[in-house]
């Protein structure tokens, strides 16, 4: 199940970045895609350890006091913000709405035991 979830995340990242690759922003899309793909194994390990979860804004967040690999989490959230902004511009909406919709997708595809934050801000582990 862990590998299936990772594959879903990779495919989503590729699809999203493909959408923005044709925008005027263009050139940086490949760089972001590469960085996100490179970080994914570390992020999946942090999720597996129960240290980070996906918040209701489509960003990673620590769910406890331990802040292992905080630089990776910060970099991922920065790149997600760039992606959400580019998608929002292309779709004529807000980055916040894009992030919220992405959070819903992430929650649906989350693996058993992964931390997700509901719309009300409550953290729970997916069954």
N, C-alpha and C. Protein backbone atom coordinates (compact mmCIF):
# COMPACT_ATOMS: atom_id res chain seq x y z
N UNK A 1 0.82 -1.20 0.00
CA UNK A 1 0.00 0.00 0.00
C UNK A 1 0.86 1.26 0.00
N UNK A 2 1.98 1.20 0.71
CA UNK A 2 2.89 2.34 0.79
C UNK A 2 3.40 2.72 -0.60
N UNK A 3 3.78 1.75 -1.41
CA UNK A 3 4.28 2.02 -2.77
C UNK A 3 3.18 2.58 -3.66
N UNK A 4 1.97 2.07 -3.51
CA UNK A 4 0.85 2.56 -4.31
C UNK A 4 0.61 4.04 -4.01
N UNK A 5 0.65 4.40 -2.74
CA UNK A 5 0.44 5.79 -2.36
C UNK A 5 1.54 6.68 -2.94
N UNK A 6 2.79 6.22 -2.87
CA UNK A 6 3.89 7.00 -3.41
C UNK A 6 3.72 7.18 -4.91
N UNK A 7 3.31 6.15 -5.61
CA UNK A 7 3.10 6.24 -7.04
C UNK A 7 2.00 7.26 -7.37
N UNK A 8 0.94 7.26 -6.60
CA UNK A 8 -0.15 8.23 -6.80
C UNK A 8 0.38 9.64 -6.62
N UNK A 9 1.19 9.87 -5.59
CA UNK A 9 1.76 11.19 -5.36
C UNK A 9 2.66 11.63 -6.52
N UNK A 10 3.47 10.73 -7.00
CA UNK A 10 4.36 11.05 -8.12
C UNK A 10 3.55 11.38 -9.37
N UNK A 11 2.57 10.57 -9.65
CA UNK A 11 1.74 10.81 -10.84
C UNK A 11 1.00 12.14 -10.73
N UNK A 12 0.51 12.46 -9.52
CA UNK A 12 -0.17 13.74 -9.36
C UNK A 12 0.79 14.90 -9.60
N UNK A 13 1.98 14.81 -9.02
CA UNK A 13 2.95 15.88 -9.18
C UNK A 13 3.28 16.09 -10.66
N UNK A 14 3.45 15.01 -11.38
CA UNK A 14 3.74 15.10 -12.81
C UNK A 14 2.57 15.74 -13.55
N UNK A 15 1.37 15.32 -13.23
CA UNK A 15 0.18 15.87 -13.91
C UNK A 15 0.02 17.36 -13.63
N UNK A 16 0.15 17.75 -12.37
CA UNK A 16 0.00 19.16 -12.02
C UNK A 16 1.07 20.00 -12.69
N UNK A 17 2.28 19.54 -12.64
CA UNK A 17 3.35 20.31 -13.25
C UNK A 17 3.24 20.34 -14.76
N UNK A 18 2.64 19.32 -15.35
CA UNK A 18 2.38 19.34 -16.78
C UNK A 18 1.40 20.43 -17.15
N UNK A 19 0.43 20.66 -16.28
CA UNK A 19 -0.56 21.71 -16.51
C UNK A 19 0.10 23.07 -16.56
N UNK A 20 1.02 23.31 -15.62
CA UNK A 20 1.62 24.64 -15.58
C UNK A 20 2.81 24.79 -16.52
N UNK A 21 3.30 23.70 -17.04
CA UNK A 21 4.47 23.76 -17.92
C UNK A 21 4.19 24.57 -19.18
N UNK A 22 2.94 24.64 -19.60
CA UNK A 22 2.61 25.37 -20.82
C UNK A 22 2.27 26.83 -20.54
N UNK A 23 2.23 27.22 -19.28
CA UNK A 23 1.91 28.61 -18.95
C UNK A 23 3.11 29.50 -19.24
N UNK A 24 2.92 30.78 -19.09
CA UNK A 24 4.01 31.73 -19.32
C UNK A 24 5.14 31.51 -18.31
N UNK A 25 4.83 30.90 -17.19
CA UNK A 25 5.81 30.64 -16.15
C UNK A 25 6.77 29.55 -16.59
N UNK A 26 6.28 28.59 -17.33
CA UNK A 26 6.96 27.53 -18.02
C UNK A 26 8.27 26.97 -17.55
N UNK A 27 9.41 27.62 -17.82
CA UNK A 27 10.71 27.04 -17.62
C UNK A 27 10.99 26.45 -16.25
N UNK A 28 10.48 27.07 -15.18
CA UNK A 28 10.76 26.59 -13.84
C UNK A 28 9.97 25.36 -13.47
N UNK A 29 9.00 24.96 -14.26
CA UNK A 29 8.16 23.82 -13.93
C UNK A 29 8.97 22.53 -13.83
N UNK A 30 9.89 22.32 -14.73
CA UNK A 30 10.69 21.11 -14.70
C UNK A 30 11.57 21.07 -13.46
N UNK A 31 12.12 22.21 -13.10
CA UNK A 31 12.96 22.27 -11.90
C UNK A 31 12.16 21.93 -10.65
N UNK A 32 10.96 22.47 -10.55
CA UNK A 32 10.10 22.18 -9.40
C UNK A 32 9.72 20.71 -9.40
N UNK A 33 9.35 20.20 -10.56
CA UNK A 33 8.98 18.78 -10.66
C UNK A 33 10.12 17.89 -10.19
N UNK A 34 11.34 18.22 -10.61
CA UNK A 34 12.51 17.44 -10.20
C UNK A 34 12.74 17.52 -8.70
N UNK A 35 12.62 18.72 -8.14
CA UNK A 35 12.83 18.88 -6.70
C UNK A 35 11.78 18.10 -5.90
N UNK A 36 10.53 18.19 -6.34
CA UNK A 36 9.46 17.49 -5.63
C UNK A 36 9.64 15.97 -5.71
N UNK A 37 10.02 15.50 -6.86
CA UNK A 37 10.25 14.05 -7.01
C UNK A 37 11.42 13.60 -6.14
N UNK A 38 12.45 14.42 -6.05
CA UNK A 38 13.61 14.09 -5.24
C UNK A 38 13.27 14.04 -3.74
N UNK A 39 12.39 14.94 -3.31
CA UNK A 39 12.00 14.99 -1.90
C UNK A 39 10.99 13.93 -1.50
N UNK A 40 10.27 13.39 -2.45
CA UNK A 40 9.15 12.50 -2.14
C UNK A 40 9.51 11.33 -1.23
N UNK A 41 10.60 10.62 -1.45
CA UNK A 41 10.92 9.50 -0.54
C UNK A 41 11.10 9.96 0.91
N UNK A 42 11.72 11.12 1.11
CA UNK A 42 11.91 11.65 2.47
C UNK A 42 10.55 12.01 3.08
N UNK A 43 9.70 12.64 2.30
CA UNK A 43 8.38 13.01 2.79
C UNK A 43 7.57 11.77 3.14
N UNK A 44 7.63 10.76 2.30
CA UNK A 44 6.88 9.54 2.58
C UNK A 44 7.40 8.87 3.86
N UNK A 45 8.70 8.93 4.09
CA UNK A 45 9.27 8.37 5.32
C UNK A 45 8.79 9.16 6.54
N UNK A 46 8.76 10.48 6.44
CA UNK A 46 8.26 11.31 7.53
C UNK A 46 6.79 11.00 7.83
N UNK A 47 6.01 10.79 6.78
CA UNK A 47 4.61 10.42 6.97
C UNK A 47 4.50 9.04 7.61
N UNK A 48 5.32 8.12 7.14
CA UNK A 48 5.31 6.75 7.67
C UNK A 48 5.65 6.75 9.17
N UNK A 49 6.56 7.62 9.56
CA UNK A 49 6.95 7.74 10.97
C UNK A 49 5.89 8.48 11.80
N UNK A 50 4.91 9.09 11.12
CA UNK A 50 3.87 9.84 11.83
C UNK A 50 4.31 11.23 12.28
N UNK A 51 5.36 11.75 11.66
CA UNK A 51 5.88 13.06 12.06
C UNK A 51 5.20 14.21 11.34
N UNK A 52 4.78 13.99 10.10
CA UNK A 52 4.11 15.04 9.33
C UNK A 52 2.80 14.50 8.77
N UNK A 53 1.93 15.44 8.52
CA UNK A 53 0.67 15.11 7.87
C UNK A 53 0.35 16.17 6.84
N UNK A 54 -0.75 15.97 6.17
CA UNK A 54 -1.20 16.92 5.15
C UNK A 54 -2.30 17.79 5.76
N UNK A 55 -2.07 19.10 5.79
CA UNK A 55 -3.09 19.97 6.39
C UNK A 55 -4.21 20.26 5.39
N UNK A 56 -5.20 21.01 5.84
CA UNK A 56 -6.37 21.27 5.01
C UNK A 56 -6.15 22.36 3.97
N UNK A 57 -4.90 22.81 3.84
CA UNK A 57 -4.54 23.79 2.81
C UNK A 57 -3.64 23.19 1.74
N UNK A 58 -3.45 21.85 1.80
CA UNK A 58 -2.62 21.18 0.81
C UNK A 58 -1.14 21.31 1.08
N UNK A 59 -0.78 21.55 2.33
CA UNK A 59 0.62 21.70 2.71
C UNK A 59 0.98 20.68 3.77
N UNK A 60 2.27 20.40 3.88
CA UNK A 60 2.76 19.51 4.92
C UNK A 60 2.82 20.28 6.23
N UNK A 61 2.59 19.55 7.32
CA UNK A 61 2.67 20.18 8.63
C UNK A 61 3.11 19.12 9.64
N UNK A 62 3.94 19.55 10.58
CA UNK A 62 4.34 18.63 11.64
C UNK A 62 3.15 18.42 12.57
N UNK A 63 2.95 17.18 13.01
CA UNK A 63 1.81 16.86 13.88
C UNK A 63 2.24 16.65 15.33
N UNK A 64 3.50 16.78 15.61
CA UNK A 64 4.00 16.64 16.97
C UNK A 64 5.17 17.58 17.19
N UNK A 65 5.86 17.37 18.29
CA UNK A 65 6.98 18.24 18.65
C UNK A 65 8.22 18.00 17.79
N UNK A 66 8.40 16.78 17.32
CA UNK A 66 9.60 16.45 16.52
C UNK A 66 9.54 17.16 15.17
N UNK A 67 10.63 17.79 14.82
CA UNK A 67 10.69 18.54 13.56
C UNK A 67 11.80 18.00 12.67
N UNK A 68 11.85 16.68 12.52
CA UNK A 68 12.86 16.03 11.69
C UNK A 68 12.73 16.48 10.24
N UNK A 69 13.85 16.79 9.64
CA UNK A 69 13.91 17.20 8.22
C UNK A 69 13.02 18.41 7.93
N UNK A 70 13.03 19.37 8.85
CA UNK A 70 12.20 20.58 8.68
C UNK A 70 12.54 21.32 7.39
N UNK A 71 13.80 21.26 6.97
CA UNK A 71 14.20 21.93 5.73
C UNK A 71 13.49 21.32 4.53
N UNK A 72 13.30 20.01 4.55
CA UNK A 72 12.61 19.32 3.44
C UNK A 72 11.14 19.73 3.42
N UNK A 73 10.52 19.76 4.59
CA UNK A 73 9.11 20.15 4.69
C UNK A 73 8.93 21.59 4.22
N UNK A 74 9.80 22.47 4.65
CA UNK A 74 9.72 23.88 4.24
C UNK A 74 9.89 24.03 2.73
N UNK A 75 10.85 23.33 2.16
CA UNK A 75 11.10 23.41 0.72
C UNK A 75 9.90 22.87 -0.07
N UNK A 76 9.33 21.76 0.40
CA UNK A 76 8.16 21.18 -0.27
C UNK A 76 7.00 22.16 -0.25
N UNK A 77 6.74 22.75 0.90
CA UNK A 77 5.63 23.69 1.01
C UNK A 77 5.85 24.93 0.14
N UNK A 78 7.09 25.36 0.04
CA UNK A 78 7.39 26.51 -0.82
C UNK A 78 7.08 26.16 -2.28
N UNK A 79 7.52 25.00 -2.73
CA UNK A 79 7.25 24.60 -4.11
C UNK A 79 5.77 24.36 -4.35
N UNK A 80 5.08 23.75 -3.38
CA UNK A 80 3.63 23.58 -3.54
C UNK A 80 2.95 24.93 -3.68
N UNK A 81 3.39 25.91 -2.91
CA UNK A 81 2.82 27.25 -3.02
C UNK A 81 2.99 27.84 -4.41
N UNK A 82 4.17 27.64 -4.98
CA UNK A 82 4.43 28.13 -6.34
C UNK A 82 3.51 27.43 -7.34
N UNK A 83 3.37 26.12 -7.19
CA UNK A 83 2.51 25.34 -8.08
C UNK A 83 1.06 25.79 -7.93
N UNK A 84 0.59 25.92 -6.70
CA UNK A 84 -0.81 26.33 -6.47
C UNK A 84 -1.08 27.71 -7.05
N UNK A 85 -0.10 28.61 -6.92
CA UNK A 85 -0.25 29.96 -7.47
C UNK A 85 -0.36 29.92 -8.99
N UNK A 86 0.49 29.12 -9.63
CA UNK A 86 0.47 29.02 -11.09
C UNK A 86 -0.83 28.40 -11.58
N UNK A 87 -1.29 27.36 -10.89
CA UNK A 87 -2.56 26.73 -11.27
C UNK A 87 -3.70 27.71 -11.10
N UNK A 88 -3.70 28.43 -9.99
CA UNK A 88 -4.76 29.41 -9.72
C UNK A 88 -4.81 30.48 -10.79
N UNK A 89 -3.65 30.96 -11.18
CA UNK A 89 -3.59 31.99 -12.22
C UNK A 89 -4.18 31.46 -13.53
N UNK A 90 -3.80 30.26 -13.88
CA UNK A 90 -4.29 29.65 -15.13
C UNK A 90 -5.80 29.39 -15.07
N UNK A 91 -6.29 29.00 -13.87
CA UNK A 91 -7.70 28.65 -13.72
C UNK A 91 -8.57 29.84 -13.33
N UNK A 92 -7.97 30.98 -13.04
CA UNK A 92 -8.75 32.15 -12.66
C UNK A 92 -9.35 32.02 -11.26
N UNK A 93 -8.61 31.45 -10.35
CA UNK A 93 -9.09 31.28 -8.98
C UNK A 93 -7.98 31.69 -8.02
N UNK A 94 -8.08 31.29 -6.77
CA UNK A 94 -7.07 31.67 -5.79
C UNK A 94 -6.17 30.49 -5.44
N UNK A 95 -4.94 30.76 -5.05
CA UNK A 95 -4.05 29.69 -4.60
C UNK A 95 -4.63 28.94 -3.39
N UNK A 96 -5.34 29.65 -2.54
CA UNK A 96 -5.95 29.02 -1.37
C UNK A 96 -6.96 27.97 -1.76
N UNK A 97 -7.78 28.28 -2.76
CA UNK A 97 -8.78 27.32 -3.22
C UNK A 97 -8.10 26.12 -3.87
N UNK A 98 -7.06 26.36 -4.64
CA UNK A 98 -6.31 25.25 -5.25
C UNK A 98 -5.74 24.36 -4.16
N UNK A 99 -5.15 24.96 -3.13
CA UNK A 99 -4.59 24.19 -2.03
C UNK A 99 -5.64 23.38 -1.28
N UNK A 100 -6.79 23.97 -1.07
CA UNK A 100 -7.88 23.26 -0.39
C UNK A 100 -8.36 22.08 -1.22
N UNK A 101 -8.49 22.27 -2.50
CA UNK A 101 -8.90 21.16 -3.37
C UNK A 101 -7.85 20.07 -3.40
N UNK A 102 -6.59 20.48 -3.43
CA UNK A 102 -5.51 19.50 -3.40
C UNK A 102 -5.52 18.75 -2.07
N UNK A 103 -5.80 19.45 -0.97
CA UNK A 103 -5.89 18.79 0.34
C UNK A 103 -6.95 17.70 0.33
N UNK A 104 -8.07 17.95 -0.31
CA UNK A 104 -9.13 16.94 -0.41
C UNK A 104 -8.65 15.72 -1.20
N UNK A 105 -7.92 15.95 -2.29
CA UNK A 105 -7.38 14.84 -3.08
C UNK A 105 -6.36 14.04 -2.27
N UNK A 106 -5.51 14.74 -1.58
CA UNK A 106 -4.50 14.07 -0.76
C UNK A 106 -5.17 13.21 0.31
N UNK A 107 -6.19 13.77 0.96
CA UNK A 107 -6.89 13.03 2.02
C UNK A 107 -7.53 11.76 1.47
N UNK A 108 -8.12 11.85 0.28
CA UNK A 108 -8.74 10.68 -0.33
C UNK A 108 -7.72 9.59 -0.64
N UNK A 109 -6.53 9.99 -1.05
CA UNK A 109 -5.50 9.04 -1.46
C UNK A 109 -4.51 8.68 -0.35
N UNK A 110 -4.68 9.25 0.82
CA UNK A 110 -3.75 9.00 1.92
C UNK A 110 -3.77 7.52 2.30
N UNK A 111 -2.61 7.04 2.69
CA UNK A 111 -2.49 5.66 3.14
C UNK A 111 -2.96 5.50 4.57
N UNK A 112 -3.27 4.30 4.93
CA UNK A 112 -3.70 3.99 6.29
C UNK A 112 -2.64 4.44 7.29
N UNK A 113 -3.07 5.14 8.32
CA UNK A 113 -2.17 5.62 9.35
C UNK A 113 -1.59 6.99 9.11
N UNK A 114 -1.77 7.55 7.90
CA UNK A 114 -1.24 8.88 7.62
C UNK A 114 -2.12 9.94 8.28
N UNK A 115 -1.47 11.00 8.73
CA UNK A 115 -2.17 12.11 9.37
C UNK A 115 -2.73 13.06 8.32
N UNK A 116 -3.99 13.40 8.48
CA UNK A 116 -4.65 14.38 7.62
C UNK A 116 -5.45 15.32 8.51
N UNK A 117 -5.59 16.54 8.06
CA UNK A 117 -6.33 17.55 8.81
C UNK A 117 -7.67 17.78 8.11
N UNK A 118 -8.75 17.71 8.85
CA UNK A 118 -10.05 17.92 8.24
C UNK A 118 -10.30 19.42 8.04
N UNK A 119 -11.42 19.74 7.41
CA UNK A 119 -11.73 21.14 7.10
C UNK A 119 -11.83 22.01 8.34
N UNK A 120 -12.19 21.40 9.48
CA UNK A 120 -12.29 22.14 10.73
C UNK A 120 -10.98 22.30 11.47
N UNK A 121 -9.90 21.74 10.94
CA UNK A 121 -8.59 21.89 11.55
C UNK A 121 -8.20 20.76 12.50
N UNK A 122 -9.02 19.73 12.60
CA UNK A 122 -8.73 18.61 13.49
C UNK A 122 -7.86 17.59 12.76
N UNK A 123 -6.84 17.08 13.47
CA UNK A 123 -5.96 16.06 12.92
C UNK A 123 -6.49 14.69 13.25
N UNK A 124 -6.39 13.79 12.27
CA UNK A 124 -6.78 12.40 12.50
C UNK A 124 -5.92 11.51 11.61
N UNK A 125 -5.77 10.28 12.03
CA UNK A 125 -5.06 9.32 11.20
C UNK A 125 -6.07 8.59 10.35
N UNK A 126 -5.75 8.45 9.08
CA UNK A 126 -6.65 7.77 8.17
C UNK A 126 -6.66 6.27 8.49
N UNK A 127 -7.85 5.71 8.45
CA UNK A 127 -8.01 4.26 8.71
C UNK A 127 -7.62 3.46 7.50
